[in-house]
């Protein structure tokens, strides 16, 4: 579950990073999610961004599966009613 309950006005570049992060989460792409997380900061201080993205990728491979094209099953997917 991903809670998007935030109230903020994002600058265009922040919005791109945030949307890109959500897309990466939905696709189960940990390396891209890591790059988008790093893109949130104008003054990036991560000394090993490649290692960070590799760690995110490993975490996603182990723990995340992305999301299906639909977020919830459709009634037709549930079988006979």
PDB file of N, CA and C in Angstrom:
ATOM      1  N   UNK A   1       0.840  -1.168   0.000  1.00  0.00           N
ATOM      2  CA  UNK A   1       0.000   0.000   0.000  1.00  0.00           C
ATOM      3  C   UNK A   1       0.891   1.239   0.000  1.00  0.00           C
ATOM      4  N   UNK A   2       0.488   2.195  -0.759  1.00  0.00           N
ATOM      5  CA  UNK A   2       1.236   3.443  -0.857  1.00  0.00           C
ATOM      6  C   UNK A   2       0.301   4.583  -0.498  1.00  0.00           C
ATOM      7  N   UNK A   3       0.607   5.279   0.587  1.00  0.00           N
ATOM      8  CA  UNK A   3      -0.230   6.383   1.053  1.00  0.00           C
ATOM      9  C   UNK A   3       0.288   7.681   0.461  1.00  0.00           C
ATOM     10  N   UNK A   4      -0.507   8.311  -0.370  1.00  0.00           N
ATOM     11  CA  UNK A   4      -0.115   9.557  -1.010  1.00  0.00           C
ATOM     12  C   UNK A   4      -0.758  10.756  -0.333  1.00  0.00           C
ATOM     13  N   UNK A   5      -1.112  10.630   0.919  1.00  0.00           N
ATOM     14  CA  UNK A   5      -1.798  11.691   1.642  1.00  0.00           C
ATOM     15  C   UNK A   5      -0.867  12.812   2.040  1.00  0.00           C
ATOM     16  N   UNK A   6      -0.423  13.557   1.063  1.00  0.00           N
ATOM     17  CA  UNK A   6       0.451  14.684   1.354  1.00  0.00           C
ATOM     18  C   UNK A   6      -0.195  15.959   0.840  1.00  0.00           C
ATOM     19  N   UNK A   7       0.113  17.036   1.506  1.00  0.00           N
ATOM     20  CA  UNK A   7      -0.397  18.331   1.073  1.00  0.00           C
ATOM     21  C   UNK A   7       0.813  19.214   0.837  1.00  0.00           C
ATOM     22  N   UNK A   8       1.102  19.451  -0.415  1.00  0.00           N
ATOM     23  CA  UNK A   8       2.251  20.290  -0.773  1.00  0.00           C
ATOM     24  C   UNK A   8       2.089  20.740  -2.207  1.00  0.00           C
ATOM     25  N   UNK A   9       2.673  21.856  -2.495  1.00  0.00           N
ATOM     26  CA  UNK A   9       2.714  22.340  -3.869  1.00  0.00           C
ATOM     27  C   UNK A   9       4.137  22.089  -4.355  1.00  0.00           C
ATOM     28  N   UNK A  10       4.266  21.221  -5.343  1.00  0.00           N
ATOM     29  CA  UNK A  10       5.579  20.848  -5.828  1.00  0.00           C
ATOM     30  C   UNK A  10       5.998  21.730  -7.001  1.00  0.00           C
ATOM     31  N   UNK A  11       7.293  22.024  -7.042  1.00  0.00           N
ATOM     32  CA  UNK A  11       7.846  22.707  -8.204  1.00  0.00           C
ATOM     33  C   UNK A  11       7.824  21.713  -9.369  1.00  0.00           C
ATOM     34  N   UNK A  12       7.865  22.183 -10.609  1.00  0.00           N
ATOM     35  CA  UNK A  12       7.800  21.266 -11.753  1.00  0.00           C
ATOM     36  C   UNK A  12       8.819  20.127 -11.691  1.00  0.00           C
ATOM     37  N   UNK A  13      10.049  20.415 -11.324  1.00  0.00           N
ATOM     38  CA  UNK A  13      11.063  19.355 -11.272  1.00  0.00           C
ATOM     39  C   UNK A  13      10.785  18.372 -10.134  1.00  0.00           C
ATOM     40  N   UNK A  14      10.234  18.869  -9.022  1.00  0.00           N
ATOM     41  CA  UNK A  14       9.838  17.975  -7.930  1.00  0.00           C
ATOM     42  C   UNK A  14       8.668  17.103  -8.357  1.00  0.00           C
ATOM     43  N   UNK A  15       7.737  17.698  -9.072  1.00  0.00           N
ATOM     44  CA  UNK A  15       6.586  16.952  -9.565  1.00  0.00           C
ATOM     45  C   UNK A  15       7.026  15.835 -10.507  1.00  0.00           C
ATOM     46  N   UNK A  16       7.970  16.142 -11.394  1.00  0.00           N
ATOM     47  CA  UNK A  16       8.484  15.112 -12.308  1.00  0.00           C
ATOM     48  C   UNK A  16       9.143  13.977 -11.531  1.00  0.00           C
ATOM     49  N   UNK A  17       9.936  14.324 -10.514  1.00  0.00           N
ATOM     50  CA  UNK A  17      10.600  13.296  -9.707  1.00  0.00           C
ATOM     51  C   UNK A  17       9.571  12.454  -8.968  1.00  0.00           C
ATOM     52  N   UNK A  18       8.551  13.091  -8.405  1.00  0.00           N
ATOM     53  CA  UNK A  18       7.531  12.374  -7.647  1.00  0.00           C
ATOM     54  C   UNK A  18       6.722  11.444  -8.547  1.00  0.00           C
ATOM     55  N   UNK A  19       6.281  11.965  -9.673  1.00  0.00           N
ATOM     56  CA  UNK A  19       5.505  11.138 -10.604  1.00  0.00           C
ATOM     57  C   UNK A  19       6.363  10.000 -11.134  1.00  0.00           C
ATOM     58  N   UNK A  20       7.622  10.300 -11.452  1.00  0.00           N
ATOM     59  CA  UNK A  20       8.532   9.251 -11.904  1.00  0.00           C
ATOM     60  C   UNK A  20       8.743   8.182 -10.851  1.00  0.00           C
ATOM     61  N   UNK A  21       8.811   8.608  -9.578  1.00  0.00           N
ATOM     62  CA  UNK A  21       8.947   7.648  -8.482  1.00  0.00           C
ATOM     63  C   UNK A  21       7.722   6.735  -8.419  1.00  0.00           C
ATOM     64  N   UNK A  22       6.534   7.334  -8.487  1.00  0.00           N
ATOM     65  CA  UNK A  22       5.307   6.530  -8.435  1.00  0.00           C
ATOM     66  C   UNK A  22       5.233   5.566  -9.613  1.00  0.00           C
ATOM     67  N   UNK A  23       5.624   6.020 -10.792  1.00  0.00           N
ATOM     68  CA  UNK A  23       5.637   5.145 -11.963  1.00  0.00           C
ATOM     69  C   UNK A  23       6.613   3.993 -11.755  1.00  0.00           C
ATOM     70  N   UNK A  24       7.777   4.287 -11.187  1.00  0.00           N
ATOM     71  CA  UNK A  24       8.769   3.241 -10.940  1.00  0.00           C
ATOM     72  C   UNK A  24       8.255   2.227  -9.921  1.00  0.00           C
ATOM     73  N   UNK A  25       7.592   2.719  -8.870  1.00  0.00           N
ATOM     74  CA  UNK A  25       7.013   1.812  -7.878  1.00  0.00           C
ATOM     75  C   UNK A  25       5.977   0.920  -8.547  1.00  0.00           C
ATOM     76  N   UNK A  26       5.109   1.515  -9.356  1.00  0.00           N
ATOM     77  CA  UNK A  26       4.090   0.735 -10.048  1.00  0.00           C
ATOM     78  C   UNK A  26       4.679  -0.298 -10.986  1.00  0.00           C
ATOM     79  N   UNK A  27       5.819   0.015 -11.582  1.00  0.00           N
ATOM     80  CA  UNK A  27       6.473  -0.909 -12.510  1.00  0.00           C
ATOM     81  C   UNK A  27       7.369  -1.907 -11.784  1.00  0.00           C
ATOM     82  N   UNK A  28       7.575  -1.695 -10.482  1.00  0.00           N
ATOM     83  CA  UNK A  28       8.468  -2.571  -9.732  1.00  0.00           C
ATOM     84  C   UNK A  28       9.926  -2.361 -10.107  1.00  0.00           C
ATOM     85  N   UNK A  29      10.284  -1.153 -10.546  1.00  0.00           N
ATOM     86  CA  UNK A  29      11.635  -0.829 -11.018  1.00  0.00           C
ATOM     87  C   UNK A  29      12.394  -0.080  -9.921  1.00  0.00           C
ATOM     88  N   UNK A  30      13.127  -0.820  -9.109  1.00  0.00           N
ATOM     89  CA  UNK A  30      13.813  -0.244  -7.972  1.00  0.00           C
ATOM     90  C   UNK A  30      14.926   0.718  -8.344  1.00  0.00           C
ATOM     91  N   UNK A  31      15.675   0.418  -9.399  1.00  0.00           N
ATOM     92  CA  UNK A  31      16.765   1.306  -9.805  1.00  0.00           C
ATOM     93  C   UNK A  31      16.213   2.665 -10.239  1.00  0.00           C
ATOM     94  N   UNK A  32      15.136   2.649 -11.008  1.00  0.00           N
ATOM     95  CA  UNK A  32      14.526   3.914 -11.440  1.00  0.00           C
ATOM     96  C   UNK A  32      13.928   4.646 -10.232  1.00  0.00           C
ATOM     97  N   UNK A  33      13.307   3.912  -9.317  1.00  0.00           N
ATOM     98  CA  UNK A  33      12.767   4.538  -8.105  1.00  0.00           C
ATOM     99  C   UNK A  33      13.893   5.221  -7.324  1.00  0.00           C
ATOM    100  N   UNK A  34      15.039   4.569  -7.230  1.00  0.00           N
ATOM    101  CA  UNK A  34      16.181   5.166  -6.548  1.00  0.00           C
ATOM    102  C   UNK A  34      16.644   6.448  -7.219  1.00  0.00           C
ATOM    103  N   UNK A  35      16.710   6.438  -8.546  1.00  0.00           N
ATOM    104  CA  UNK A  35      17.112   7.651  -9.267  1.00  0.00           C
ATOM    105  C   UNK A  35      16.113   8.783  -9.039  1.00  0.00           C
ATOM    106  N   UNK A  36      14.826   8.456  -9.006  1.00  0.00           N
ATOM    107  CA  UNK A  36      13.802   9.488  -8.788  1.00  0.00           C
ATOM    108  C   UNK A  36      13.868  10.016  -7.365  1.00  0.00           C
ATOM    109  N   UNK A  37      14.146   9.164  -6.369  1.00  0.00           N
ATOM    110  CA  UNK A  37      14.309   9.623  -4.987  1.00  0.00           C
ATOM    111  C   UNK A  37      15.478  10.609  -4.919  1.00  0.00           C
ATOM    112  N   UNK A  38      16.580  10.263  -5.558  1.00  0.00           N
ATOM    113  CA  UNK A  38      17.743  11.144  -5.554  1.00  0.00           C
ATOM    114  C   UNK A  38      17.461  12.461  -6.271  1.00  0.00           C
ATOM    115  N   UNK A  39      16.559  12.434  -7.241  1.00  0.00           N
ATOM    116  CA  UNK A  39      16.235  13.650  -8.001  1.00  0.00           C
ATOM    117  C   UNK A  39      15.431  14.652  -7.177  1.00  0.00           C
ATOM    118  N   UNK A  40      14.903  14.241  -6.030  1.00  0.00           N
ATOM    119  CA  UNK A  40      14.133  15.163  -5.193  1.00  0.00           C
ATOM    120  C   UNK A  40      14.996  16.273  -4.611  1.00  0.00           C
ATOM    121  N   UNK A  41      16.277  16.020  -4.432  1.00  0.00           N
ATOM    122  CA  UNK A  41      17.139  16.996  -3.782  1.00  0.00           C
ATOM    123  C   UNK A  41      17.942  17.790  -4.805  1.00  0.00           C
ATOM    124  N   UNK A  42      17.867  19.118  -4.677  1.00  0.00           N
ATOM    125  CA  UNK A  42      18.687  19.970  -5.538  1.00  0.00           C
ATOM    126  C   UNK A  42      20.149  19.876  -5.143  1.00  0.00           C
ATOM    127  N   UNK A  43      20.415  19.699  -3.861  1.00  0.00           N
ATOM    128  CA  UNK A  43      21.776  19.609  -3.341  1.00  0.00           C
ATOM    129  C   UNK A  43      22.036  18.176  -2.883  1.00  0.00           C
ATOM    130  N   UNK A  44      22.167  17.280  -3.835  1.00  0.00           N
ATOM    131  CA  UNK A  44      22.315  15.860  -3.532  1.00  0.00           C
ATOM    132  C   UNK A  44      23.604  15.604  -2.763  1.00  0.00           C
ATOM    133  N   UNK A  45      23.492  14.897  -1.638  1.00  0.00           N
ATOM    134  CA  UNK A  45      24.657  14.590  -0.811  1.00  0.00           C
ATOM    135  C   UNK A  45      24.959  13.097  -0.757  1.00  0.00           C
ATOM    136  N   UNK A  46      24.219  12.297  -1.488  1.00  0.00           N
ATOM    137  CA  UNK A  46      24.484  10.860  -1.514  1.00  0.00           C
ATOM    138  C   UNK A  46      25.849  10.638  -2.177  1.00  0.00           C
ATOM    139  N   UNK A  47      26.773  10.030  -1.444  1.00  0.00           N
ATOM    140  CA  UNK A  47      28.127   9.863  -1.971  1.00  0.00           C
ATOM    141  C   UNK A  47      28.250   8.658  -2.898  1.00  0.00           C
ATOM    142  N   UNK A  48      27.271   7.753  -2.841  1.00  0.00           N
ATOM    143  CA  UNK A  48      27.308   6.568  -3.699  1.00  0.00           C
ATOM    144  C   UNK A  48      25.945   6.359  -4.358  1.00  0.00           C
ATOM    145  N   UNK A  49      25.554   7.247  -5.282  1.00  0.00           N
ATOM    146  CA  UNK A  49      24.231   7.119  -5.883  1.00  0.00           C
ATOM    147  C   UNK A  49      24.025   5.800  -6.639  1.00  0.00           C
ATOM    148  N   UNK A  50      25.060   5.303  -7.282  1.00  0.00           N
ATOM    149  CA  UNK A  50      24.906   4.015  -7.991  1.00  0.00           C
ATOM    150  C   UNK A  50      24.645   2.884  -7.007  1.00  0.00           C
ATOM    151  N   UNK A  51      25.336   2.897  -5.874  1.00  0.00           N
ATOM    152  CA  UNK A  51      25.118   1.869  -4.857  1.00  0.00           C
ATOM    153  C   UNK A  51      23.723   2.005  -4.251  1.00  0.00           C
ATOM    154  N   UNK A  52      23.271   3.251  -4.037  1.00  0.00           N
ATOM    155  CA  UNK A  52      21.924   3.478  -3.513  1.00  0.00           C
ATOM    156  C   UNK A  52      20.887   2.894  -4.463  1.00  0.00           C
ATOM    157  N   UNK A  53      21.025   3.185  -5.756  1.00  0.00           N
ATOM    158  CA  UNK A  53      20.065   2.686  -6.747  1.00  0.00           C
ATOM    159  C   UNK A  53      20.135   1.159  -6.852  1.00  0.00           C
ATOM    160  N   UNK A  54      21.333   0.598  -6.735  1.00  0.00           N
ATOM    161  CA  UNK A  54      21.465  -0.858  -6.753  1.00  0.00           C
ATOM    162  C   UNK A  54      20.785  -1.476  -5.532  1.00  0.00           C
ATOM    163  N   UNK A  55      20.923  -0.830  -4.373  1.00  0.00           N
ATOM    164  CA  UNK A  55      20.263  -1.327  -3.157  1.00  0.00           C
ATOM    165  C   UNK A  55      18.743  -1.228  -3.287  1.00  0.00           C
ATOM    166  N   UNK A  56      18.266  -0.137  -3.869  1.00  0.00           N
ATOM    167  CA  UNK A  56      16.822   0.000  -4.104  1.00  0.00           C
ATOM    168  C   UNK A  56      16.345  -1.104  -5.051  1.00  0.00           C
ATOM    169  N   UNK A  57      17.125  -1.372  -6.089  1.00  0.00           N
ATOM    170  CA  UNK A  57      16.760  -2.408  -7.049  1.00  0.00           C
ATOM    171  C   UNK A  57      16.696  -3.772  -6.366  1.00  0.00           C
ATOM    172  N   UNK A  58      17.693  -4.077  -5.525  1.00  0.00           N
ATOM    173  CA  UNK A  58      17.697  -5.348  -4.800  1.00  0.00           C
ATOM    174  C   UNK A  58      16.492  -5.450  -3.871  1.00  0.00           C
ATOM    175  N   UNK A  59      16.172  -4.360  -3.181  1.00  0.00           N
ATOM    176  CA  UNK A  59      15.000  -4.357  -2.300  1.00  0.00           C
ATOM    177  C   UNK A  59      13.725  -4.622  -3.097  1.00  0.00           C
ATOM    178  N   UNK A  60      13.566  -3.945  -4.227  1.00  0.00           N
ATOM    179  CA  UNK A  60      12.370  -4.138  -5.040  1.00  0.00           C
ATOM    180  C   UNK A  60      12.279  -5.567  -5.550  1.00  0.00           C
ATOM    181  N   UNK A  61      13.402  -6.131  -5.976  1.00  0.00           N
ATOM    182  CA  UNK A  61      13.386  -7.512  -6.464  1.00  0.00           C
ATOM    183  C   UNK A  61      12.970  -8.485  -5.370  1.00  0.00           C
ATOM    184  N   UNK A  62      13.383  -8.194  -4.142  1.00  0.00           N
ATOM    185  CA  UNK A  62      13.073  -9.069  -3.014  1.00  0.00           C
ATOM    186  C   UNK A  62      11.666  -8.841  -2.458  1.00  0.00           C
ATOM    187  N   UNK A  63      11.244  -7.576  -2.395  1.00  0.00           N
ATOM    188  CA  UNK A  63      10.048  -7.248  -1.621  1.00  0.00           C
ATOM    189  C   UNK A  63       8.888  -6.646  -2.395  1.00  0.00           C
ATOM    190  N   UNK A  64       9.111  -6.195  -3.607  1.00  0.00           N
ATOM    191  CA  UNK A  64       8.051  -5.495  -4.348  1.00  0.00           C
ATOM    192  C   UNK A  64       7.754  -6.221  -5.649  1.00  0.00           C
ATOM    193  N   UNK A  65       6.531  -6.146  -6.049  1.00  0.00           N
ATOM    194  CA  UNK A  65       6.140  -6.780  -7.298  1.00  0.00           C
ATOM    195  C   UNK A  65       5.526  -5.793  -8.274  1.00  0.00           C
ATOM    196  N   UNK A  66       5.561  -4.502  -7.971  1.00  0.00           N
ATOM    197  CA  UNK A  66       4.885  -3.541  -8.831  1.00  0.00           C
ATOM    198  C   UNK A  66       3.383  -3.688  -8.649  1.00  0.00           C
ATOM    199  N   UNK A  67       2.625  -3.143  -9.551  1.00  0.00           N
ATOM    200  CA  UNK A  67       1.181  -3.274  -9.457  1.00  0.00           C
ATOM    201  C   UNK A  67       0.649  -3.783 -10.785  1.00  0.00           C
ATOM    202  N   UNK A  68      -0.490  -4.385 -10.717  1.00  0.00           N
ATOM    203  CA  UNK A  68      -1.146  -4.871 -11.918  1.00  0.00           C
ATOM    204  C   UNK A  68      -1.724  -3.679 -12.672  1.00  0.00           C
ATOM    205  N   UNK A  69      -2.141  -3.875 -13.906  1.00  0.00           N
ATOM    206  CA  UNK A  69      -2.757  -2.767 -14.639  1.00  0.00           C
ATOM    207  C   UNK A  69      -3.956  -2.168 -13.913  1.00  0.00           C
ATOM    208  N   UNK A  70      -4.605  -2.963 -13.067  1.00  0.00           N
ATOM    209  CA  UNK A  70      -5.722  -2.466 -12.264  1.00  0.00           C
ATOM    210  C   UNK A  70      -5.323  -2.577 -10.807  1.00  0.00           C
ATOM    211  N   UNK A  71      -5.766  -1.637  -9.995  1.00  0.00           N
ATOM    212  CA  UNK A  71      -5.413  -1.657  -8.577  1.00  0.00           C
ATOM    213  C   UNK A  71      -6.277  -2.619  -7.781  1.00  0.00           C
ATOM    214  N   UNK A  72      -7.480  -2.871  -8.217  1.00  0.00           N
ATOM    215  CA  UNK A  72      -8.374  -3.763  -7.480  1.00  0.00           C
ATOM    216  C   UNK A  72      -9.001  -4.744  -8.465  1.00  0.00           C
ATOM    217  N   UNK A  73      -9.321  -5.939  -7.995  1.00  0.00           N
ATOM    218  CA  UNK A  73      -9.937  -6.894  -8.905  1.00  0.00           C
ATOM    219  C   UNK A  73     -11.301  -6.401  -9.387  1.00  0.00           C
ATOM    220  N   UNK A  74     -11.561  -6.671 -10.622  1.00  0.00           N
ATOM    221  CA  UNK A  74     -12.865  -6.343 -11.193  1.00  0.00           C
ATOM    222  C   UNK A  74     -13.832  -7.455 -10.820  1.00  0.00           C
ATOM    223  N   UNK A  75     -15.135  -7.178 -10.747  1.00  0.00           N
ATOM    224  CA  UNK A  75     -16.093  -8.235 -10.399  1.00  0.00           C
ATOM    225  C   UNK A  75     -15.952  -9.467 -11.278  1.00  0.00           C
ATOM    226  N   UNK A  76     -15.619  -9.288 -12.544  1.00  0.00           N
ATOM    227  CA  UNK A  76     -15.473 -10.444 -13.432  1.00  0.00           C
ATOM    228  C   UNK A  76     -14.271 -11.312 -13.056  1.00  0.00           C
ATOM    229  N   UNK A  77     -13.306 -10.741 -12.322  1.00  0.00           N
ATOM    230  CA  UNK A  77     -12.129 -11.495 -11.892  1.00  0.00           C
ATOM    231  C   UNK A  77     -12.407 -12.342 -10.664  1.00  0.00           C
ATOM    232  N   UNK A  78     -13.509 -12.099  -9.991  1.00  0.00           N
ATOM    233  CA  UNK A  78     -13.800 -12.753  -8.727  1.00  0.00           C
ATOM    234  C   UNK A  78     -14.533 -14.073  -8.894  1.00  0.00           C
ATOM    235  N   UNK A  79     -14.874 -14.449 -10.101  1.00  0.00           N
ATOM    236  CA  UNK A  79     -15.567 -15.704 -10.344  1.00  0.00           C
ATOM    237  C   UNK A  79     -17.076 -15.537 -10.234  1.00  0.00           C
ATOM    238  N   UNK A  80     -17.777 -16.678 -10.250  1.00  0.00           N
ATOM    239  CA  UNK A  80     -19.251 -16.624 -10.186  1.00  0.00           C
ATOM    240  C   UNK A  80     -19.734 -15.975  -8.899  1.00  0.00           C
ATOM    241  N   UNK A  81     -20.760 -15.182  -9.004  1.00  0.00           N
ATOM    242  CA  UNK A  81     -21.302 -14.482  -7.849  1.00  0.00           C
ATOM    243  C   UNK A  81     -22.466 -15.262  -7.268  1.00  0.00           C
TER     244      UNK A  81
END
